[in-house]
């Protein structure tokens, strides 16, 4: 029985490592949960048919990948590289103007995505039981930070988002001890002033 429990926990640890994409989607949904029922504005810098292509662009040029099925006003079955969400369109427009000033985002635009559709998470290969199991195992820690402490963090007040799960570490006597382990997604933060979610994968400052 003990070995079976340890094996199950080892499998869970491996599964959690291999499903970072779904973790990020779940984290975003957990963060966006209170916004259900109101519009969210995004700066969209690219839209692709392939999630892999969209994620590569986000990694190289900034932003994070949004499954367009999650919002009623977006073209379905696409993957957009976005900045946001912003509750106020003016905040989104200011970021768009800043991005366009660098001439690296010629096709970027602001979009009111409409209301969020939580049930869209259950499409494709992700079933409600899988999502329910991961939501039950994941722990989200939100820590307020003043910002501006170093070049690798936002330069204004923000909330740091950390995902973790409970693993099982085997003792020398063969028993197990629950140990909480963080999931490395890079830096995931929420700007307090605008509500924007920022995903920094690496800082080279």
N, C-alpha and C. Protein backbone atom coordinates (compact mmCIF):
# COMPACT_ATOMS: atom_id res chain seq x y z
N UNK A 1 0.84 -1.21 0.00
CA UNK A 1 0.00 0.00 0.00
C UNK A 1 0.87 1.25 0.00
N UNK A 2 1.93 1.23 0.89
CA UNK A 2 2.82 2.37 0.96
C UNK A 2 3.54 2.59 -0.36
N UNK A 3 4.05 1.48 -0.94
CA UNK A 3 4.75 1.59 -2.23
C UNK A 3 3.83 2.12 -3.32
N UNK A 4 2.57 1.69 -3.27
CA UNK A 4 1.60 2.16 -4.26
C UNK A 4 1.38 3.66 -4.13
N UNK A 5 1.32 4.14 -2.86
CA UNK A 5 1.13 5.57 -2.64
C UNK A 5 2.33 6.35 -3.14
N UNK A 6 3.52 5.83 -2.85
CA UNK A 6 4.73 6.50 -3.31
C UNK A 6 4.80 6.53 -4.83
N UNK A 7 4.41 5.43 -5.45
CA UNK A 7 4.43 5.38 -6.92
C UNK A 7 3.45 6.37 -7.50
N UNK A 8 2.26 6.47 -6.87
CA UNK A 8 1.26 7.42 -7.36
C UNK A 8 1.76 8.85 -7.25
N UNK A 9 2.41 9.16 -6.12
CA UNK A 9 2.93 10.50 -5.93
C UNK A 9 4.07 10.80 -6.89
N UNK A 10 4.91 9.80 -7.14
CA UNK A 10 6.00 9.99 -8.10
C UNK A 10 5.45 10.26 -9.48
N UNK A 11 4.40 9.52 -9.86
CA UNK A 11 3.76 9.74 -11.16
C UNK A 11 3.17 11.13 -11.22
N UNK A 12 2.54 11.57 -10.11
CA UNK A 12 1.94 12.90 -10.09
C UNK A 12 3.00 13.97 -10.25
N UNK A 13 4.15 13.78 -9.57
CA UNK A 13 5.22 14.75 -9.69
C UNK A 13 5.69 14.86 -11.14
N UNK A 14 5.84 13.72 -11.81
CA UNK A 14 6.26 13.72 -13.21
C UNK A 14 5.20 14.37 -14.09
N UNK A 15 3.95 14.05 -13.82
CA UNK A 15 2.86 14.61 -14.63
C UNK A 15 2.78 16.12 -14.47
N UNK A 16 3.00 16.61 -13.24
CA UNK A 16 2.94 18.05 -13.01
C UNK A 16 4.07 18.74 -13.77
N UNK A 17 5.24 18.11 -13.83
CA UNK A 17 6.36 18.69 -14.55
C UNK A 17 6.07 18.79 -16.04
N UNK A 18 5.36 17.80 -16.58
CA UNK A 18 5.12 17.73 -18.01
C UNK A 18 3.90 18.51 -18.47
N UNK A 19 3.17 19.12 -17.55
CA UNK A 19 1.94 19.82 -17.95
C UNK A 19 1.99 21.29 -17.57
N UNK A 20 3.15 21.93 -17.76
CA UNK A 20 3.28 23.34 -17.38
C UNK A 20 2.34 24.23 -18.18
N UNK A 21 2.06 23.85 -19.44
CA UNK A 21 1.18 24.69 -20.25
C UNK A 21 -0.21 24.76 -19.64
N UNK A 22 -0.73 23.62 -19.21
CA UNK A 22 -2.05 23.62 -18.59
C UNK A 22 -2.00 24.33 -17.25
N UNK A 23 -0.88 24.22 -16.52
CA UNK A 23 -0.74 24.93 -15.26
C UNK A 23 -0.87 26.43 -15.48
N UNK A 24 -0.20 26.93 -16.52
CA UNK A 24 -0.26 28.36 -16.77
C UNK A 24 -1.68 28.78 -17.14
N UNK A 25 -2.36 27.98 -17.95
CA UNK A 25 -3.75 28.28 -18.30
C UNK A 25 -4.62 28.30 -17.05
N UNK A 26 -4.44 27.30 -16.19
CA UNK A 26 -5.22 27.24 -14.96
C UNK A 26 -4.90 28.42 -14.05
N UNK A 27 -3.62 28.79 -13.97
CA UNK A 27 -3.24 29.92 -13.14
C UNK A 27 -3.90 31.19 -13.63
N UNK A 28 -3.88 31.40 -14.94
CA UNK A 28 -4.51 32.59 -15.51
C UNK A 28 -6.01 32.59 -15.22
N UNK A 29 -6.65 31.43 -15.36
CA UNK A 29 -8.08 31.34 -15.09
C UNK A 29 -8.38 31.62 -13.62
N UNK A 30 -7.52 31.12 -12.71
CA UNK A 30 -7.72 31.38 -11.30
C UNK A 30 -7.59 32.87 -11.00
N UNK A 31 -6.64 33.52 -11.69
CA UNK A 31 -6.44 34.95 -11.50
C UNK A 31 -7.60 35.74 -12.09
N UNK A 32 -8.07 35.30 -13.27
CA UNK A 32 -9.14 36.02 -13.97
C UNK A 32 -10.52 35.73 -13.39
N UNK A 33 -10.62 34.73 -12.54
CA UNK A 33 -11.92 34.32 -12.03
C UNK A 33 -12.81 35.46 -11.58
N UNK A 34 -12.30 36.40 -10.73
CA UNK A 34 -13.13 37.50 -10.29
C UNK A 34 -13.60 38.41 -11.41
N UNK A 35 -12.96 38.36 -12.59
CA UNK A 35 -13.36 39.25 -13.69
C UNK A 35 -14.48 38.66 -14.53
N UNK A 36 -14.90 37.43 -14.24
CA UNK A 36 -15.97 36.82 -15.03
C UNK A 36 -17.21 37.71 -14.98
N UNK A 37 -17.78 37.98 -16.14
CA UNK A 37 -18.95 38.83 -16.20
C UNK A 37 -18.64 40.25 -16.64
N UNK A 38 -17.36 40.62 -16.71
CA UNK A 38 -17.00 41.93 -17.22
C UNK A 38 -16.04 41.75 -18.40
N UNK A 39 -15.90 42.81 -19.17
CA UNK A 39 -15.03 42.73 -20.35
C UNK A 39 -13.58 42.87 -19.95
N UNK A 40 -12.71 42.18 -20.66
CA UNK A 40 -11.27 42.32 -20.50
C UNK A 40 -10.70 42.82 -21.82
N UNK A 41 -9.81 43.79 -21.74
CA UNK A 41 -9.17 44.35 -22.91
C UNK A 41 -7.74 43.84 -23.00
N UNK A 42 -7.34 43.39 -24.18
CA UNK A 42 -6.01 42.86 -24.41
C UNK A 42 -5.33 43.63 -25.53
N UNK A 43 -4.01 43.73 -25.43
CA UNK A 43 -3.19 44.14 -26.58
C UNK A 43 -2.76 42.85 -27.25
N UNK A 44 -3.19 42.65 -28.48
CA UNK A 44 -2.87 41.43 -29.23
C UNK A 44 -1.76 41.75 -30.22
N UNK A 45 -0.64 41.02 -30.08
CA UNK A 45 0.51 41.28 -30.95
C UNK A 45 0.66 40.24 -32.05
N UNK A 46 0.00 39.09 -31.91
CA UNK A 46 0.04 38.05 -32.95
C UNK A 46 -1.07 37.05 -32.66
N UNK A 47 -1.55 36.40 -33.71
CA UNK A 47 -2.55 35.34 -33.58
C UNK A 47 -2.17 34.22 -34.54
N UNK A 48 -2.14 32.99 -33.99
CA UNK A 48 -1.67 31.85 -34.77
C UNK A 48 -2.65 30.68 -34.66
N UNK A 49 -2.58 29.78 -35.66
CA UNK A 49 -3.35 28.53 -35.59
C UNK A 49 -2.69 27.53 -34.64
N UNK A 50 -1.36 27.62 -34.52
CA UNK A 50 -0.59 26.66 -33.72
C UNK A 50 -0.22 27.26 -32.36
N UNK A 51 -0.48 26.52 -31.30
CA UNK A 51 -0.09 26.96 -29.97
C UNK A 51 1.44 27.05 -29.86
N UNK A 52 2.15 26.07 -30.44
CA UNK A 52 3.61 26.07 -30.37
C UNK A 52 4.19 27.33 -31.01
N UNK A 53 3.66 27.71 -32.18
CA UNK A 53 4.15 28.91 -32.85
C UNK A 53 3.87 30.15 -32.00
N UNK A 54 2.67 30.22 -31.44
CA UNK A 54 2.31 31.36 -30.59
C UNK A 54 3.20 31.42 -29.36
N UNK A 55 3.47 30.27 -28.73
CA UNK A 55 4.31 30.26 -27.54
C UNK A 55 5.75 30.67 -27.87
N UNK A 56 6.23 30.28 -29.04
CA UNK A 56 7.58 30.69 -29.46
C UNK A 56 7.65 32.20 -29.63
N UNK A 57 6.63 32.78 -30.25
CA UNK A 57 6.61 34.23 -30.43
C UNK A 57 6.52 34.95 -29.10
N UNK A 58 5.71 34.42 -28.18
CA UNK A 58 5.58 35.04 -26.86
C UNK A 58 6.90 34.98 -26.10
N UNK A 59 7.60 33.85 -26.21
CA UNK A 59 8.89 33.70 -25.53
C UNK A 59 9.92 34.67 -26.07
N UNK A 60 9.88 34.91 -27.37
CA UNK A 60 10.90 35.73 -28.02
C UNK A 60 10.59 37.23 -27.97
N UNK A 61 9.28 37.59 -27.99
CA UNK A 61 8.93 39.00 -28.09
C UNK A 61 8.10 39.51 -26.92
N UNK A 62 7.80 38.63 -25.95
CA UNK A 62 7.06 39.06 -24.78
C UNK A 62 5.58 38.78 -24.87
N UNK A 63 4.92 38.81 -23.72
CA UNK A 63 3.50 38.49 -23.64
C UNK A 63 3.28 37.05 -23.24
N UNK A 64 2.04 36.63 -23.30
CA UNK A 64 1.69 35.25 -22.99
C UNK A 64 0.61 34.80 -23.97
N UNK A 65 0.38 33.50 -24.02
CA UNK A 65 -0.51 32.94 -25.04
C UNK A 65 -1.91 32.72 -24.47
N UNK A 66 -2.89 33.25 -25.18
CA UNK A 66 -4.29 33.14 -24.78
C UNK A 66 -5.04 32.26 -25.77
N UNK A 67 -5.67 31.22 -25.27
CA UNK A 67 -6.56 30.40 -26.09
C UNK A 67 -7.81 31.23 -26.36
N UNK A 68 -8.05 31.56 -27.63
CA UNK A 68 -9.16 32.46 -27.96
C UNK A 68 -10.53 31.88 -27.64
N UNK A 69 -10.61 30.58 -27.44
CA UNK A 69 -11.89 29.97 -27.06
C UNK A 69 -12.34 30.40 -25.66
N UNK A 70 -11.44 31.00 -24.90
CA UNK A 70 -11.78 31.39 -23.53
C UNK A 70 -12.62 32.66 -23.46
N UNK A 71 -12.73 33.40 -24.58
CA UNK A 71 -13.48 34.66 -24.56
C UNK A 71 -14.48 34.69 -25.71
N UNK A 72 -15.64 35.23 -25.43
CA UNK A 72 -16.74 35.17 -26.39
C UNK A 72 -16.51 36.05 -27.62
N UNK A 73 -15.74 37.14 -27.49
CA UNK A 73 -15.60 38.08 -28.60
C UNK A 73 -14.35 37.84 -29.44
N UNK A 74 -13.60 36.78 -29.16
CA UNK A 74 -12.41 36.48 -29.94
C UNK A 74 -12.71 35.39 -30.96
N UNK A 75 -11.99 35.43 -32.08
CA UNK A 75 -12.13 34.39 -33.10
C UNK A 75 -11.75 33.05 -32.51
N UNK A 76 -12.64 32.05 -32.58
CA UNK A 76 -12.35 30.77 -31.90
C UNK A 76 -11.25 29.97 -32.58
N UNK A 77 -10.73 29.01 -31.81
CA UNK A 77 -9.76 28.02 -32.31
C UNK A 77 -8.45 28.65 -32.78
N UNK A 78 -8.05 29.74 -32.11
CA UNK A 78 -6.78 30.39 -32.39
C UNK A 78 -6.00 30.55 -31.08
N UNK A 79 -4.75 30.97 -31.22
CA UNK A 79 -3.90 31.24 -30.06
C UNK A 79 -3.27 32.62 -30.26
N UNK A 80 -3.62 33.55 -29.38
CA UNK A 80 -3.14 34.93 -29.51
C UNK A 80 -2.04 35.21 -28.50
N UNK A 81 -1.03 35.94 -28.95
CA UNK A 81 0.00 36.45 -28.06
C UNK A 81 -0.50 37.79 -27.55
N UNK A 82 -0.65 37.91 -26.23
CA UNK A 82 -1.33 39.07 -25.67
C UNK A 82 -0.53 39.72 -24.55
N UNK A 83 -0.90 40.95 -24.27
CA UNK A 83 -0.53 41.66 -23.04
C UNK A 83 -1.86 42.06 -22.40
N UNK A 84 -1.93 41.90 -21.11
CA UNK A 84 -3.17 42.21 -20.41
C UNK A 84 -3.51 41.12 -19.41
N UNK A 85 -4.78 41.07 -18.99
CA UNK A 85 -5.93 41.89 -19.41
C UNK A 85 -5.96 43.23 -18.69
N UNK A 86 -6.62 44.18 -19.31
CA UNK A 86 -6.81 45.50 -18.72
C UNK A 86 -8.31 45.74 -18.54
N UNK A 87 -8.69 46.21 -17.37
CA UNK A 87 -10.09 46.53 -17.13
C UNK A 87 -10.48 47.82 -17.86
N UNK A 88 -9.51 48.72 -18.03
CA UNK A 88 -9.79 50.00 -18.68
C UNK A 88 -9.13 50.02 -20.07
N UNK A 89 -9.89 50.32 -21.11
CA UNK A 89 -9.30 50.34 -22.46
C UNK A 89 -8.18 51.35 -22.60
N UNK A 90 -8.23 52.43 -21.83
CA UNK A 90 -7.17 53.44 -21.91
C UNK A 90 -5.81 52.88 -21.53
N UNK A 91 -5.78 51.99 -20.54
CA UNK A 91 -4.51 51.37 -20.14
C UNK A 91 -3.97 50.50 -21.26
N UNK A 92 -4.85 49.78 -21.92
CA UNK A 92 -4.43 48.94 -23.05
C UNK A 92 -3.92 49.80 -24.20
N UNK A 93 -4.59 50.93 -24.47
CA UNK A 93 -4.16 51.81 -25.55
C UNK A 93 -2.79 52.43 -25.27
N UNK A 94 -2.53 52.75 -24.00
CA UNK A 94 -1.22 53.32 -23.65
C UNK A 94 -0.11 52.30 -23.87
N UNK A 95 -0.37 51.03 -23.51
CA UNK A 95 0.64 50.00 -23.75
C UNK A 95 0.84 49.78 -25.25
N UNK A 96 -0.25 49.77 -26.00
CA UNK A 96 -0.15 49.60 -27.45
C UNK A 96 0.72 50.71 -28.05
N UNK A 97 0.50 51.94 -27.64
CA UNK A 97 1.27 53.07 -28.16
C UNK A 97 2.74 52.88 -27.84
N UNK A 98 3.03 52.40 -26.62
CA UNK A 98 4.43 52.17 -26.23
C UNK A 98 5.05 51.08 -27.10
N UNK A 99 4.34 49.98 -27.31
CA UNK A 99 4.88 48.89 -28.12
C UNK A 99 5.12 49.33 -29.56
N UNK A 100 4.19 50.09 -30.09
CA UNK A 100 4.31 50.55 -31.48
C UNK A 100 5.44 51.57 -31.65
N UNK A 101 5.81 52.25 -30.58
CA UNK A 101 6.89 53.23 -30.67
C UNK A 101 8.22 52.55 -30.96
N UNK A 102 8.34 51.29 -30.57
CA UNK A 102 9.57 50.55 -30.84
C UNK A 102 9.58 49.89 -32.20
N UNK A 103 8.49 49.96 -32.93
CA UNK A 103 8.36 49.45 -34.30
C UNK A 103 8.59 47.93 -34.41
N UNK A 104 8.41 47.23 -33.28
CA UNK A 104 8.57 45.77 -33.33
C UNK A 104 7.26 45.03 -33.38
N UNK A 105 6.14 45.78 -33.32
CA UNK A 105 4.81 45.17 -33.29
C UNK A 105 3.89 45.89 -34.28
N UNK A 106 4.17 45.83 -35.55
CA UNK A 106 3.41 46.62 -36.54
C UNK A 106 1.94 46.24 -36.62
N UNK A 107 1.58 45.00 -36.32
CA UNK A 107 0.19 44.59 -36.44
C UNK A 107 -0.57 44.54 -35.13
N UNK A 108 0.03 45.06 -34.07
CA UNK A 108 -0.60 44.98 -32.75
C UNK A 108 -1.85 45.85 -32.69
N UNK A 109 -2.82 45.42 -31.88
CA UNK A 109 -4.05 46.18 -31.72
C UNK A 109 -4.70 45.84 -30.39
N UNK A 110 -5.65 46.68 -29.98
CA UNK A 110 -6.40 46.46 -28.73
C UNK A 110 -7.73 45.80 -29.06
N UNK A 111 -8.09 44.82 -28.25
CA UNK A 111 -9.35 44.10 -28.47
C UNK A 111 -10.09 43.93 -27.16
N UNK A 112 -11.38 44.28 -27.18
CA UNK A 112 -12.28 43.97 -26.07
C UNK A 112 -12.70 42.51 -26.26
N UNK A 113 -12.23 41.63 -25.38
CA UNK A 113 -12.44 40.20 -25.57
C UNK A 113 -13.81 39.73 -25.10
N UNK A 114 -14.56 40.60 -24.44
CA UNK A 114 -15.87 40.18 -23.95
C UNK A 114 -15.76 39.36 -22.68
N UNK A 115 -16.80 38.61 -22.41
CA UNK A 115 -16.83 37.82 -21.18
C UNK A 115 -16.02 36.53 -21.33
N UNK A 116 -15.48 36.09 -20.20
CA UNK A 116 -14.69 34.87 -20.20
C UNK A 116 -15.61 33.65 -20.15
N UNK A 117 -15.17 32.57 -20.82
CA UNK A 117 -15.92 31.33 -20.85
C UNK A 117 -15.08 30.24 -20.18
N UNK A 118 -15.32 30.02 -18.89
CA UNK A 118 -14.53 29.05 -18.15
C UNK A 118 -14.68 27.65 -18.73
N UNK A 119 -15.87 27.33 -19.25
CA UNK A 119 -16.09 25.98 -19.75
C UNK A 119 -15.23 25.65 -20.96
N UNK A 120 -14.64 26.66 -21.61
CA UNK A 120 -13.78 26.41 -22.77
C UNK A 120 -12.51 25.67 -22.37
N UNK A 121 -12.15 25.73 -21.09
CA UNK A 121 -10.98 24.99 -20.62
C UNK A 121 -11.14 23.50 -20.85
N UNK A 122 -12.38 23.03 -20.91
CA UNK A 122 -12.64 21.60 -21.00
C UNK A 122 -12.68 21.09 -22.43
N UNK A 123 -12.30 21.94 -23.38
CA UNK A 123 -12.29 21.48 -24.76
C UNK A 123 -11.02 20.71 -25.09
N UNK A 124 -10.98 20.16 -26.29
CA UNK A 124 -9.79 19.45 -26.75
C UNK A 124 -9.48 18.24 -25.89
N UNK A 125 -8.22 18.12 -25.49
CA UNK A 125 -7.78 16.96 -24.74
C UNK A 125 -7.93 17.14 -23.23
N UNK A 126 -8.32 18.33 -22.80
CA UNK A 126 -8.48 18.57 -21.37
C UNK A 126 -9.93 18.33 -20.97
N UNK A 127 -10.15 17.32 -20.16
CA UNK A 127 -11.50 16.97 -19.73
C UNK A 127 -11.78 17.57 -18.35
N UNK A 128 -13.04 17.71 -17.96
CA UNK A 128 -13.35 18.23 -16.63
C UNK A 128 -12.67 17.46 -15.50
N UNK A 129 -12.61 16.12 -15.54
CA UNK A 129 -11.92 15.42 -14.45
C UNK A 129 -10.43 15.78 -14.36
N UNK A 130 -9.76 15.95 -15.51
CA UNK A 130 -8.35 16.33 -15.49
C UNK A 130 -8.18 17.71 -14.87
N UNK A 131 -9.01 18.65 -15.34
CA UNK A 131 -8.92 20.00 -14.80
C UNK A 131 -9.25 20.02 -13.31
N UNK A 132 -10.26 19.27 -12.91
CA UNK A 132 -10.65 19.22 -11.49
C UNK A 132 -9.52 18.64 -10.64
N UNK A 133 -8.87 17.60 -11.15
CA UNK A 133 -7.77 16.98 -10.41
C UNK A 133 -6.61 17.94 -10.25
N UNK A 134 -6.26 18.64 -11.33
CA UNK A 134 -5.15 19.58 -11.25
C UNK A 134 -5.48 20.77 -10.36
N UNK A 135 -6.70 21.28 -10.45
CA UNK A 135 -7.11 22.38 -9.58
C UNK A 135 -7.05 21.98 -8.12
N UNK A 136 -7.40 20.72 -7.84
CA UNK A 136 -7.35 20.23 -6.47
C UNK A 136 -5.92 20.09 -5.96
N UNK A 137 -4.99 19.76 -6.83
CA UNK A 137 -3.60 19.56 -6.44
C UNK A 137 -2.78 20.85 -6.43
N UNK A 138 -3.16 21.81 -7.28
CA UNK A 138 -2.40 23.04 -7.39
C UNK A 138 -2.70 23.99 -6.23
N UNK A 139 -1.67 24.70 -5.81
CA UNK A 139 -1.84 25.74 -4.80
C UNK A 139 -1.29 27.04 -5.37
N UNK A 140 -2.08 28.10 -5.33
CA UNK A 140 -1.66 29.39 -5.85
C UNK A 140 -1.40 30.33 -4.68
N UNK A 141 -0.18 30.87 -4.62
CA UNK A 141 0.20 31.84 -3.59
C UNK A 141 0.36 33.20 -4.23
N UNK A 142 -0.36 34.19 -3.72
CA UNK A 142 -0.29 35.57 -4.21
C UNK A 142 0.39 36.43 -3.15
N UNK A 143 1.50 37.08 -3.53
CA UNK A 143 2.28 37.89 -2.58
C UNK A 143 2.44 39.29 -3.13
N UNK A 144 1.97 40.27 -2.37
CA UNK A 144 2.10 41.66 -2.80
C UNK A 144 3.55 42.13 -2.65
N UNK A 145 4.03 42.83 -3.68
CA UNK A 145 5.40 43.35 -3.69
C UNK A 145 5.39 44.83 -4.07
N UNK A 146 6.32 45.62 -3.52
CA UNK A 146 6.34 47.06 -3.85
C UNK A 146 6.87 47.35 -5.24
N UNK A 147 7.72 46.47 -5.77
CA UNK A 147 8.28 46.68 -7.10
C UNK A 147 9.45 47.65 -7.08
N UNK A 148 10.21 47.65 -8.18
CA UNK A 148 11.32 48.59 -8.31
C UNK A 148 12.58 48.20 -7.57
N UNK A 149 12.62 47.00 -7.02
CA UNK A 149 13.78 46.58 -6.26
C UNK A 149 14.95 46.16 -7.12
N UNK A 150 14.68 45.69 -8.34
CA UNK A 150 15.73 45.29 -9.26
C UNK A 150 15.18 45.34 -10.68
N UNK A 151 16.05 45.32 -11.70
CA UNK A 151 15.58 45.45 -13.08
C UNK A 151 14.74 44.28 -13.57
N UNK A 152 14.75 43.16 -12.83
CA UNK A 152 14.05 41.96 -13.28
C UNK A 152 12.63 41.84 -12.73
N UNK A 153 12.14 42.87 -12.06
CA UNK A 153 10.77 42.85 -11.56
C UNK A 153 10.06 44.11 -12.02
N UNK A 154 8.73 44.13 -11.98
CA UNK A 154 8.02 45.35 -12.36
C UNK A 154 8.47 46.54 -11.51
N UNK A 155 8.47 47.69 -12.12
CA UNK A 155 8.94 48.89 -11.45
C UNK A 155 7.83 49.65 -10.74
N UNK A 156 6.77 48.95 -10.39
CA UNK A 156 5.64 49.51 -9.64
C UNK A 156 5.01 48.39 -8.83
N UNK A 157 4.13 48.70 -7.90
CA UNK A 157 3.54 47.64 -7.07
C UNK A 157 2.87 46.55 -7.90
N UNK A 158 3.09 45.30 -7.48
CA UNK A 158 2.57 44.16 -8.21
C UNK A 158 2.30 43.01 -7.26
N UNK A 159 1.66 41.97 -7.79
CA UNK A 159 1.40 40.75 -7.03
C UNK A 159 2.17 39.62 -7.69
N UNK A 160 3.00 38.94 -6.92
CA UNK A 160 3.76 37.80 -7.42
C UNK A 160 2.90 36.55 -7.32
N UNK A 161 2.85 35.76 -8.40
CA UNK A 161 2.04 34.55 -8.46
C UNK A 161 2.96 33.34 -8.46
N UNK A 162 2.75 32.44 -7.52
CA UNK A 162 3.56 31.23 -7.45
C UNK A 162 2.65 30.00 -7.39
N UNK A 163 2.90 29.03 -8.27
CA UNK A 163 2.17 27.77 -8.27
C UNK A 163 3.00 26.70 -7.58
N UNK A 164 2.35 25.85 -6.81
CA UNK A 164 3.05 24.76 -6.16
C UNK A 164 2.12 23.56 -6.03
N UNK A 165 2.70 22.41 -5.70
CA UNK A 165 1.90 21.21 -5.46
C UNK A 165 2.59 20.39 -4.38
N UNK A 166 1.85 19.50 -3.77
CA UNK A 166 2.38 18.67 -2.70
C UNK A 166 2.91 17.37 -3.29
N UNK A 167 4.23 17.18 -3.15
CA UNK A 167 4.87 15.95 -3.59
C UNK A 167 5.13 15.07 -2.37
N UNK A 168 5.77 13.94 -2.59
CA UNK A 168 6.07 13.02 -1.50
C UNK A 168 7.54 12.62 -1.58
N UNK A 169 8.26 12.91 -0.52
CA UNK A 169 9.69 12.60 -0.47
C UNK A 169 9.90 11.36 0.39
N UNK A 170 10.61 10.41 -0.17
CA UNK A 170 10.79 9.15 0.52
C UNK A 170 11.88 9.25 1.58
N UNK A 171 11.56 8.79 2.79
CA UNK A 171 12.53 8.74 3.88
C UNK A 171 13.36 7.47 3.80
N UNK A 172 14.44 7.45 4.59
CA UNK A 172 15.32 6.28 4.59
C UNK A 172 14.61 5.03 5.11
N UNK A 173 13.59 5.22 5.97
CA UNK A 173 12.89 4.05 6.53
C UNK A 173 11.78 3.55 5.61
N UNK A 174 11.65 4.14 4.40
CA UNK A 174 10.65 3.67 3.45
C UNK A 174 9.32 4.40 3.53
N UNK A 175 9.14 5.24 4.53
CA UNK A 175 7.90 6.01 4.63
C UNK A 175 8.04 7.29 3.80
N UNK A 176 6.96 8.01 3.67
CA UNK A 176 6.98 9.22 2.88
C UNK A 176 6.61 10.44 3.69
N UNK A 177 7.10 11.60 3.26
CA UNK A 177 6.79 12.87 3.90
C UNK A 177 6.34 13.86 2.83
N UNK A 178 5.19 14.50 3.06
CA UNK A 178 4.69 15.48 2.12
C UNK A 178 5.58 16.71 2.05
N UNK A 179 5.96 17.11 0.85
CA UNK A 179 6.83 18.26 0.65
C UNK A 179 6.24 19.13 -0.45
N UNK A 180 6.06 20.41 -0.16
CA UNK A 180 5.52 21.31 -1.18
C UNK A 180 6.62 21.73 -2.13
N UNK A 181 6.34 21.64 -3.44
CA UNK A 181 7.32 21.99 -4.46
C UNK A 181 6.73 23.04 -5.40
N UNK A 182 7.54 24.04 -5.69
CA UNK A 182 7.11 25.09 -6.62
C UNK A 182 7.22 24.61 -8.06
N UNK A 183 6.36 25.14 -8.91
CA UNK A 183 6.39 24.87 -10.35
C UNK A 183 7.04 26.06 -11.02
N UNK A 184 8.11 25.81 -11.75
CA UNK A 184 8.87 26.89 -12.37
C UNK A 184 8.22 27.32 -13.69
N UNK A 185 7.56 28.47 -13.65
CA UNK A 185 6.95 29.05 -14.86
C UNK A 185 7.66 30.33 -15.25
N UNK A 186 8.81 30.60 -14.62
CA UNK A 186 9.40 31.91 -14.77
C UNK A 186 8.71 32.87 -13.81
N UNK A 187 8.72 34.14 -14.12
CA UNK A 187 8.08 35.15 -13.27
C UNK A 187 6.67 35.43 -13.81
N UNK A 188 5.67 35.20 -12.96
CA UNK A 188 4.27 35.49 -13.30
C UNK A 188 3.77 36.51 -12.31
N UNK A 189 3.43 37.70 -12.81
CA UNK A 189 3.05 38.80 -11.92
C UNK A 189 1.78 39.48 -12.41
N UNK A 190 1.12 40.19 -11.48
CA UNK A 190 -0.06 40.99 -11.80
C UNK A 190 0.23 42.43 -11.40
N UNK A 191 0.17 43.35 -12.35
CA UNK A 191 0.37 44.76 -12.06
C UNK A 191 -0.87 45.29 -11.34
N UNK A 192 -0.68 45.81 -10.13
CA UNK A 192 -1.83 46.21 -9.31
C UNK A 192 -2.59 47.38 -9.92
N UNK A 193 -1.89 48.30 -10.56
CA UNK A 193 -2.54 49.49 -11.10
C UNK A 193 -3.49 49.17 -12.24
N UNK A 194 -3.13 48.21 -13.09
CA UNK A 194 -3.92 47.94 -14.30
C UNK A 194 -4.57 46.56 -14.33
N UNK A 195 -4.06 45.62 -13.51
CA UNK A 195 -4.56 44.25 -13.56
C UNK A 195 -3.87 43.40 -14.61
N UNK A 196 -2.88 43.97 -15.33
CA UNK A 196 -2.19 43.23 -16.38
C UNK A 196 -1.40 42.06 -15.81
N UNK A 197 -1.46 40.91 -16.49
CA UNK A 197 -0.65 39.76 -16.14
C UNK A 197 0.61 39.79 -16.98
N UNK A 198 1.76 39.73 -16.33
CA UNK A 198 3.03 39.71 -17.04
C UNK A 198 3.74 38.38 -16.80
N UNK A 199 4.26 37.79 -17.87
CA UNK A 199 4.97 36.51 -17.78
C UNK A 199 6.39 36.71 -18.30
N UNK A 200 7.36 36.76 -17.39
CA UNK A 200 8.76 36.89 -17.78
C UNK A 200 9.42 35.53 -17.64
N UNK A 201 9.89 34.98 -18.75
CA UNK A 201 10.48 33.65 -18.75
C UNK A 201 11.93 33.66 -18.27
N UNK A 202 12.65 34.73 -18.58
CA UNK A 202 14.05 34.85 -18.17
C UNK A 202 14.39 36.33 -18.09
N UNK A 203 15.32 36.68 -17.21
CA UNK A 203 15.80 38.04 -17.09
C UNK A 203 17.30 38.02 -17.33
N UNK A 204 17.75 38.80 -18.30
CA UNK A 204 19.17 38.83 -18.64
C UNK A 204 19.83 40.14 -18.22
N UNK A 205 19.22 40.83 -17.28
CA UNK A 205 19.82 42.09 -16.81
C UNK A 205 21.09 41.79 -15.99
